[in-house]
Amino acid sequence: MNPYVNEDVMWQRLKDMQMEAENRRRLGRRSAPSMLGWIKFLGARAWLLAGLATLRPPRHKWTDGAHDGDARSHVA
C-alpha cells in the first residue's frame, strides 16, 4: 500500500476547500452589488422613459382618409 495516498487525498481535499471558499467569496461580493445594479438599471430606464414621454409631440386631431386623398389631389 502506498503511504502517500492519504496525503494526496488530503491535499486534493484542501485544494477543493480553498476553491470552494474562493467561489463563495466571489459570489458573495457580486450578489449585493448585482441587486443594487439591477435597481439602478431599472431606475435609469424608468427615468429615460419618463423623459421621453414628456418629449412626445402633441397629438393631432384624427382626420378621415377621404379628406387626406382630397388634400393630396389639390397639392399634386
PDB file of N, CA and C in Angstrom:
ATOM      1  N   MET A   1       0.843  -1.186   0.000  1.00  0.00           N
ATOM      2  CA  MET A   1       0.000   0.000   0.000  1.00  0.00           C
ATOM      3  C   MET A   1       0.887   1.248   0.000  1.00  0.00           C
ATOM      4  N   ASN A   2       0.464   2.217  -0.752  1.00  0.00           N
ATOM      5  CA  ASN A   2       1.223   3.454  -0.897  1.00  0.00           C
ATOM      6  C   ASN A   2       0.995   4.338   0.347  1.00  0.00           C
ATOM      7  N   PRO A   3       2.058   4.738   1.042  1.00  0.00           N
ATOM      8  CA  PRO A   3       1.875   5.542   2.256  1.00  0.00           C
ATOM      9  C   PRO A   3       1.455   6.987   1.965  1.00  0.00           C
ATOM     10  N   TYR A   4       1.605   7.423   0.713  1.00  0.00           N
ATOM     11  CA  TYR A   4       1.286   8.815   0.382  1.00  0.00           C
ATOM     12  C   TYR A   4      -0.135   8.996  -0.157  1.00  0.00           C
ATOM     13  N   VAL A   5      -0.891   7.925  -0.245  1.00  0.00           N
ATOM     14  CA  VAL A   5      -2.242   8.026  -0.790  1.00  0.00           C
ATOM     15  C   VAL A   5      -3.092   8.941   0.078  1.00  0.00           C
ATOM     16  N   ASN A   6      -3.031   8.753   1.370  1.00  0.00           N
ATOM     17  CA  ASN A   6      -3.839   9.595   2.249  1.00  0.00           C
ATOM     18  C   ASN A   6      -3.415  11.058   2.162  1.00  0.00           C
ATOM     19  N   GLU A   7      -2.124  11.316   2.016  1.00  0.00           N
ATOM     20  CA  GLU A   7      -1.657  12.696   1.880  1.00  0.00           C
ATOM     21  C   GLU A   7      -2.142  13.304   0.566  1.00  0.00           C
ATOM     22  N   ASP A   8      -2.156  12.518  -0.498  1.00  0.00           N
ATOM     23  CA  ASP A   8      -2.658  13.025  -1.776  1.00  0.00           C
ATOM     24  C   ASP A   8      -4.138  13.354  -1.693  1.00  0.00           C
ATOM     25  N   VAL A   9      -4.876  12.492  -1.028  1.00  0.00           N
ATOM     26  CA  VAL A   9      -6.315  12.739  -0.870  1.00  0.00           C
ATOM     27  C   VAL A   9      -6.546  13.971  -0.005  1.00  0.00           C
ATOM     28  N   MET A  10      -5.769  14.111   1.055  1.00  0.00           N
ATOM     29  CA  MET A  10      -5.924  15.286   1.915  1.00  0.00           C
ATOM     30  C   MET A  10      -5.532  16.565   1.161  1.00  0.00           C
ATOM     31  N   TRP A  11      -4.471  16.496   0.356  1.00  0.00           N
ATOM     32  CA  TRP A  11      -4.040  17.655  -0.420  1.00  0.00           C
ATOM     33  C   TRP A  11      -5.124  18.068  -1.422  1.00  0.00           C
ATOM     34  N   GLN A  12      -5.731  17.083  -2.085  1.00  0.00           N
ATOM     35  CA  GLN A  12      -6.808  17.371  -3.033  1.00  0.00           C
ATOM     36  C   GLN A  12      -8.007  17.981  -2.320  1.00  0.00           C
ATOM     37  N   ARG A  13      -8.313  17.464  -1.140  1.00  0.00           N
ATOM     38  CA  ARG A  13      -9.429  17.990  -0.362  1.00  0.00           C
ATOM     39  C   ARG A  13      -9.146  19.437   0.052  1.00  0.00           C
ATOM     40  N   LEU A  14      -7.906  19.729   0.432  1.00  0.00           N
ATOM     41  CA  LEU A  14      -7.535  21.089   0.805  1.00  0.00           C
ATOM     42  C   LEU A  14      -7.691  22.040  -0.385  1.00  0.00           C
ATOM     43  N   LYS A  15      -7.249  21.608  -1.553  1.00  0.00           N
ATOM     44  CA  LYS A  15      -7.405  22.448  -2.744  1.00  0.00           C
ATOM     45  C   LYS A  15      -8.883  22.660  -3.070  1.00  0.00           C
ATOM     46  N   ASP A  16      -9.699  21.623  -2.916  1.00  0.00           N
ATOM     47  CA  ASP A  16     -11.139  21.760  -3.159  1.00  0.00           C
ATOM     48  C   ASP A  16     -11.775  22.739  -2.181  1.00  0.00           C
ATOM     49  N   MET A  17     -11.375  22.655  -0.911  1.00  0.00           N
ATOM     50  CA  MET A  17     -11.934  23.571   0.090  1.00  0.00           C
ATOM     51  C   MET A  17     -11.523  25.012  -0.206  1.00  0.00           C
ATOM     52  N   GLN A  18     -10.277  25.213  -0.633  1.00  0.00           N
ATOM     53  CA  GLN A  18      -9.828  26.569  -0.975  1.00  0.00           C
ATOM     54  C   GLN A  18     -10.582  27.107  -2.190  1.00  0.00           C
ATOM     55  N   MET A  19     -10.809  26.240  -3.170  1.00  0.00           N
ATOM     56  CA  MET A  19     -11.554  26.669  -4.352  1.00  0.00           C
ATOM     57  C   MET A  19     -13.000  27.007  -3.993  1.00  0.00           C
ATOM     58  N   GLU A  20     -13.599  26.218  -3.124  1.00  0.00           N
ATOM     59  CA  GLU A  20     -14.973  26.487  -2.700  1.00  0.00           C
ATOM     60  C   GLU A  20     -15.058  27.799  -1.934  1.00  0.00           C
ATOM     61  N   ALA A  21     -14.076  28.046  -1.049  1.00  0.00           N
ATOM     62  CA  ALA A  21     -14.060  29.304  -0.298  1.00  0.00           C
ATOM     63  C   ALA A  21     -13.885  30.492  -1.244  1.00  0.00           C
ATOM     64  N   GLU A  22     -13.023  30.342  -2.233  1.00  0.00           N
ATOM     65  CA  GLU A  22     -12.812  31.430  -3.205  1.00  0.00           C
ATOM     66  C   GLU A  22     -14.082  31.699  -4.009  1.00  0.00           C
ATOM     67  N   ASN A  23     -14.762  30.646  -4.425  1.00  0.00           N
ATOM     68  CA  ASN A  23     -16.002  30.822  -5.182  1.00  0.00           C
ATOM     69  C   ASN A  23     -17.075  31.482  -4.336  1.00  0.00           C
ATOM     70  N   ARG A  24     -17.182  31.080  -3.078  1.00  0.00           N
ATOM     71  CA  ARG A  24     -18.173  31.715  -2.194  1.00  0.00           C
ATOM     72  C   ARG A  24     -17.844  33.184  -1.977  1.00  0.00           C
ATOM     73  N   ARG A  25     -16.552  33.486  -1.830  1.00  0.00           N
ATOM     74  CA  ARG A  25     -16.152  34.878  -1.629  1.00  0.00           C
ATOM     75  C   ARG A  25     -16.493  35.713  -2.854  1.00  0.00           C
ATOM     76  N   ARG A  26     -16.227  35.160  -4.029  1.00  0.00           N
ATOM     77  CA  ARG A  26     -16.542  35.889  -5.265  1.00  0.00           C
ATOM     78  C   ARG A  26     -18.035  36.083  -5.439  1.00  0.00           C
ATOM     79  N   LEU A  27     -18.814  35.053  -5.214  1.00  0.00           N
ATOM     80  CA  LEU A  27     -20.260  35.158  -5.381  1.00  0.00           C
ATOM     81  C   LEU A  27     -20.871  36.058  -4.326  1.00  0.00           C
ATOM     82  N   GLY A  28     -20.349  36.019  -3.122  1.00  0.00           N
ATOM     83  CA  GLY A  28     -20.862  36.873  -2.053  1.00  0.00           C
ATOM     84  C   GLY A  28     -20.652  38.336  -2.353  1.00  0.00           C
ATOM     85  N   ARG A  29     -19.546  38.648  -2.989  1.00  0.00           N
ATOM     86  CA  ARG A  29     -19.252  40.033  -3.321  1.00  0.00           C
ATOM     87  C   ARG A  29     -20.144  40.521  -4.447  1.00  0.00           C
ATOM     88  N   ARG A  30     -20.509  39.639  -5.353  1.00  0.00           N
ATOM     89  CA  ARG A  30     -21.324  40.052  -6.504  1.00  0.00           C
ATOM     90  C   ARG A  30     -22.808  40.111  -6.191  1.00  0.00           C
ATOM     91  N   SER A  31     -23.281  39.361  -5.231  1.00  0.00           N
ATOM     92  CA  SER A  31     -24.724  39.261  -5.042  1.00  0.00           C
ATOM     93  C   SER A  31     -25.346  40.596  -4.630  1.00  0.00           C
ATOM     94  N   ALA A  32     -24.767  41.300  -3.679  1.00  0.00           N
ATOM     95  CA  ALA A  32     -25.346  42.567  -3.245  1.00  0.00           C
ATOM     96  C   ALA A  32     -25.220  43.642  -4.323  1.00  0.00           C
ATOM     97  N   PRO A  33     -24.043  43.852  -4.912  1.00  0.00           N
ATOM     98  CA  PRO A  33     -23.965  44.869  -5.969  1.00  0.00           C
ATOM     99  C   PRO A  33     -24.800  44.498  -7.190  1.00  0.00           C
ATOM    100  N   SER A  34     -24.985  43.222  -7.414  1.00  0.00           N
ATOM    101  CA  SER A  34     -25.792  42.818  -8.546  1.00  0.00           C
ATOM    102  C   SER A  34     -27.232  43.299  -8.373  1.00  0.00           C
ATOM    103  N   MET A  35     -27.778  43.103  -7.188  1.00  0.00           N
ATOM    104  CA  MET A  35     -29.143  43.571  -6.930  1.00  0.00           C
ATOM    105  C   MET A  35     -29.191  45.094  -6.994  1.00  0.00           C
ATOM    106  N   LEU A  36     -28.199  45.731  -6.421  1.00  0.00           N
ATOM    107  CA  LEU A  36     -28.144  47.184  -6.477  1.00  0.00           C
ATOM    108  C   LEU A  36     -27.979  47.655  -7.920  1.00  0.00           C
ATOM    109  N   GLY A  37     -27.192  46.923  -8.686  1.00  0.00           N
ATOM    110  CA  GLY A  37     -27.017  47.262 -10.094  1.00  0.00           C
ATOM    111  C   GLY A  37     -28.322  47.162 -10.867  1.00  0.00           C
ATOM    112  N   TRP A  38     -29.102  46.117 -10.587  1.00  0.00           N
ATOM    113  CA  TRP A  38     -30.395  45.978 -11.262  1.00  0.00           C
ATOM    114  C   TRP A  38     -31.344  47.105 -10.873  1.00  0.00           C
ATOM    115  N   ILE A  39     -31.327  47.489  -9.620  1.00  0.00           N
ATOM    116  CA  ILE A  39     -32.202  48.585  -9.187  1.00  0.00           C
ATOM    117  C   ILE A  39     -31.801  49.884  -9.881  1.00  0.00           C
ATOM    118  N   LYS A  40     -30.495  50.133  -9.967  1.00  0.00           N
ATOM    119  CA  LYS A  40     -30.027  51.340 -10.668  1.00  0.00           C
ATOM    120  C   LYS A  40     -30.385  51.291 -12.148  1.00  0.00           C
ATOM    121  N   PHE A  41     -30.227  50.122 -12.758  1.00  0.00           N
ATOM    122  CA  PHE A  41     -30.536  49.958 -14.172  1.00  0.00           C
ATOM    123  C   PHE A  41     -32.023  50.221 -14.429  1.00  0.00           C
ATOM    124  N   LEU A  42     -32.892  49.625 -13.626  1.00  0.00           N
ATOM    125  CA  LEU A  42     -34.327  49.822 -13.816  1.00  0.00           C
ATOM    126  C   LEU A  42     -34.732  51.268 -13.532  1.00  0.00           C
ATOM    127  N   GLY A  43     -34.114  51.886 -12.540  1.00  0.00           N
ATOM    128  CA  GLY A  43     -34.397  53.291 -12.250  1.00  0.00           C
ATOM    129  C   GLY A  43     -33.990  54.193 -13.400  1.00  0.00           C
ATOM    130  N   ALA A  44     -32.829  53.899 -13.986  1.00  0.00           N
ATOM    131  CA  ALA A  44     -32.370  54.708 -15.124  1.00  0.00           C
ATOM    132  C   ALA A  44     -33.305  54.542 -16.311  1.00  0.00           C
ATOM    133  N   ARG A  45     -33.775  53.326 -16.551  1.00  0.00           N
ATOM    134  CA  ARG A  45     -34.703  53.099 -17.663  1.00  0.00           C
ATOM    135  C   ARG A  45     -36.030  53.809 -17.416  1.00  0.00           C
ATOM    136  N   ALA A  46     -36.519  53.762 -16.195  1.00  0.00           N
ATOM    137  CA  ALA A  46     -37.777  54.451 -15.879  1.00  0.00           C
ATOM    138  C   ALA A  46     -37.614  55.961 -16.062  1.00  0.00           C
ATOM    139  N   TRP A  47     -36.473  56.495 -15.641  1.00  0.00           N
ATOM    140  CA  TRP A  47     -36.208  57.927 -15.797  1.00  0.00           C
ATOM    141  C   TRP A  47     -36.151  58.307 -17.276  1.00  0.00           C
ATOM    142  N   LEU A  48     -35.521  57.451 -18.078  1.00  0.00           N
ATOM    143  CA  LEU A  48     -35.430  57.700 -19.515  1.00  0.00           C
ATOM    144  C   LEU A  48     -36.816  57.679 -20.155  1.00  0.00           C
ATOM    145  N   LEU A  49     -37.616  56.683 -19.813  1.00  0.00           N
ATOM    146  CA  LEU A  49     -38.960  56.598 -20.389  1.00  0.00           C
ATOM    147  C   LEU A  49     -39.834  57.776 -19.962  1.00  0.00           C
ATOM    148  N   ALA A  50     -39.696  58.210 -18.723  1.00  0.00           N
ATOM    149  CA  ALA A  50     -40.465  59.372 -18.265  1.00  0.00           C
ATOM    150  C   ALA A  50     -40.035  60.616 -19.041  1.00  0.00           C
ATOM    151  N   GLY A  51     -38.741  60.750 -19.294  1.00  0.00           N
ATOM    152  CA  GLY A  51     -38.262  61.894 -20.077  1.00  0.00           C
ATOM    153  C   GLY A  51     -38.742  61.849 -21.512  1.00  0.00           C
ATOM    154  N   LEU A  52     -38.750  60.653 -22.096  1.00  0.00           N
ATOM    155  CA  LEU A  52     -39.236  60.528 -23.471  1.00  0.00           C
ATOM    156  C   LEU A  52     -40.733  60.794 -23.564  1.00  0.00           C
ATOM    157  N   ALA A  53     -41.467  60.434 -22.528  1.00  0.00           N
ATOM    158  CA  ALA A  53     -42.912  60.672 -22.544  1.00  0.00           C
ATOM    159  C   ALA A  53     -43.221  62.170 -22.550  1.00  0.00           C
ATOM    160  N   THR A  54     -42.374  62.960 -21.931  1.00  0.00           N
ATOM    161  CA  THR A  54     -42.619  64.411 -21.923  1.00  0.00           C
ATOM    162  C   THR A  54     -42.199  65.058 -23.235  1.00  0.00           C
ATOM    163  N   LEU A  55     -41.355  64.399 -24.024  1.00  0.00           N
ATOM    164  CA  LEU A  55     -40.906  64.959 -25.291  1.00  0.00           C
ATOM    165  C   LEU A  55     -41.796  64.557 -26.469  1.00  0.00           C
ATOM    166  N   ARG A  56     -42.838  63.816 -26.203  1.00  0.00           N
ATOM    167  CA  ARG A  56     -43.741  63.346 -27.250  1.00  0.00           C
ATOM    168  C   ARG A  56     -44.381  64.540 -27.952  1.00  0.00           C
ATOM    169  N   PRO A  57     -44.442  64.500 -29.281  1.00  0.00           N
ATOM    170  CA  PRO A  57     -45.086  65.619 -29.991  1.00  0.00           C
ATOM    171  C   PRO A  57     -46.581  65.654 -29.667  1.00  0.00           C
ATOM    172  N   PRO A  58     -47.183  66.817 -29.795  1.00  0.00           N
ATOM    173  CA  PRO A  58     -48.618  66.911 -29.480  1.00  0.00           C
ATOM    174  C   PRO A  58     -49.440  66.063 -30.447  1.00  0.00           C
ATOM    175  N   ARG A  59     -50.497  65.514 -29.938  1.00  0.00           N
ATOM    176  CA  ARG A  59     -51.369  64.678 -30.769  1.00  0.00           C
ATOM    177  C   ARG A  59     -52.286  65.573 -31.600  1.00  0.00           C
ATOM    178  N   HIS A  60     -52.439  65.190 -32.849  1.00  0.00           N
ATOM    179  CA  HIS A  60     -53.300  65.952 -33.743  1.00  0.00           C
ATOM    180  C   HIS A  60     -54.671  65.301 -33.813  1.00  0.00           C
ATOM    181  N   LYS A  61     -55.608  66.083 -34.222  1.00  0.00           N
ATOM    182  CA  LYS A  61     -56.970  65.595 -34.351  1.00  0.00           C
ATOM    183  C   LYS A  61     -57.019  64.547 -35.460  1.00  0.00           C
ATOM    184  N   TRP A  62     -57.788  63.499 -35.274  1.00  0.00           N
ATOM    185  CA  TRP A  62     -57.920  62.426 -36.254  1.00  0.00           C
ATOM    186  C   TRP A  62     -58.561  62.975 -37.515  1.00  0.00           C
ATOM    187  N   THR A  63     -57.968  62.642 -38.671  1.00  0.00           N
ATOM    188  CA  THR A  63     -58.549  63.083 -39.938  1.00  0.00           C
ATOM    189  C   THR A  63     -59.044  61.870 -40.695  1.00  0.00           C
ATOM    190  N   ASP A  64     -60.069  62.064 -41.441  1.00  0.00           N
ATOM    191  CA  ASP A  64     -60.655  60.983 -42.221  1.00  0.00           C
ATOM    192  C   ASP A  64     -59.788  60.740 -43.459  1.00  0.00           C
ATOM    193  N   GLY A  65     -59.734  59.508 -43.935  1.00  0.00           N
ATOM    194  CA  GLY A  65     -58.914  59.155 -45.085  1.00  0.00           C
ATOM    195  C   GLY A  65     -59.380  59.840 -46.358  1.00  0.00           C
ATOM    196  N   ALA A  66     -60.678  60.103 -46.500  1.00  0.00           N
ATOM    197  CA  ALA A  66     -61.205  60.741 -47.708  1.00  0.00           C
ATOM    198  C   ALA A  66     -60.679  62.169 -47.832  1.00  0.00           C
ATOM    199  N   HIS A  67     -60.573  62.863 -46.698  1.00  0.00           N
ATOM    200  CA  HIS A  67     -60.064  64.229 -46.752  1.00  0.00           C
ATOM    201  C   HIS A  67     -58.598  64.266 -47.101  1.00  0.00           C
ATOM    202  N   ASP A  68     -57.849  63.248 -46.634  1.00  0.00           N
ATOM    203  CA  ASP A  68     -56.417  63.200 -46.955  1.00  0.00           C
ATOM    204  C   ASP A  68     -56.223  63.017 -48.462  1.00  0.00           C
ATOM    205  N   GLY A  69     -57.024  62.203 -49.086  1.00  0.00           N
ATOM    206  CA  GLY A  69     -56.902  61.995 -50.523  1.00  0.00           C
ATOM    207  C   GLY A  69     -57.234  63.266 -51.297  1.00  0.00           C
ATOM    208  N   ASP A  70     -58.240  64.014 -50.834  1.00  0.00           N
ATOM    209  CA  ASP A  70     -58.597  65.265 -51.500  1.00  0.00           C
ATOM    210  C   ASP A  70     -57.464  66.283 -51.360  1.00  0.00           C
ATOM    211  N   ALA A  71     -56.852  66.321 -50.204  1.00  0.00           N
ATOM    212  CA  ALA A  71     -55.785  67.286 -49.975  1.00  0.00           C
ATOM    213  C   ALA A  71     -54.588  66.955 -50.879  1.00  0.00           C
ATOM    214  N   ARG A  72     -54.301  65.684 -51.055  1.00  0.00           N
ATOM    215  CA  ARG A  72     -53.171  65.325 -51.905  1.00  0.00           C
ATOM    216  C   ARG A  72     -53.459  65.639 -53.365  1.00  0.00           C
ATOM    217  N   SER A  73     -54.683  65.477 -53.786  1.00  0.00           N
ATOM    218  CA  SER A  73     -55.000  65.744 -55.175  1.00  0.00           C
ATOM    219  C   SER A  73     -54.875  67.233 -55.494  1.00  0.00           C
ATOM    220  N   HIS A  74     -55.186  68.098 -54.509  1.00  0.00           N
ATOM    221  CA  HIS A  74     -55.049  69.533 -54.744  1.00  0.00           C
ATOM    222  C   HIS A  74     -53.592  69.978 -54.734  1.00  0.00           C
ATOM    223  N   VAL A  75     -52.772  69.333 -53.937  1.00  0.00           N
ATOM    224  CA  VAL A  75     -51.378  69.719 -53.830  1.00  0.00           C
ATOM    225  C   VAL A  75     -50.616  69.247 -55.071  1.00  0.00           C
ATOM    226  N   ALA A  76     -50.919  68.055 -55.559  1.00  0.00           N
ATOM    227  CA  ALA A  76     -50.174  67.494 -56.674  1.00  0.00           C
ATOM    228  C   ALA A  76     -50.530  68.183 -57.932  1.00  0.00           C
TER     229      ALA A  76
END
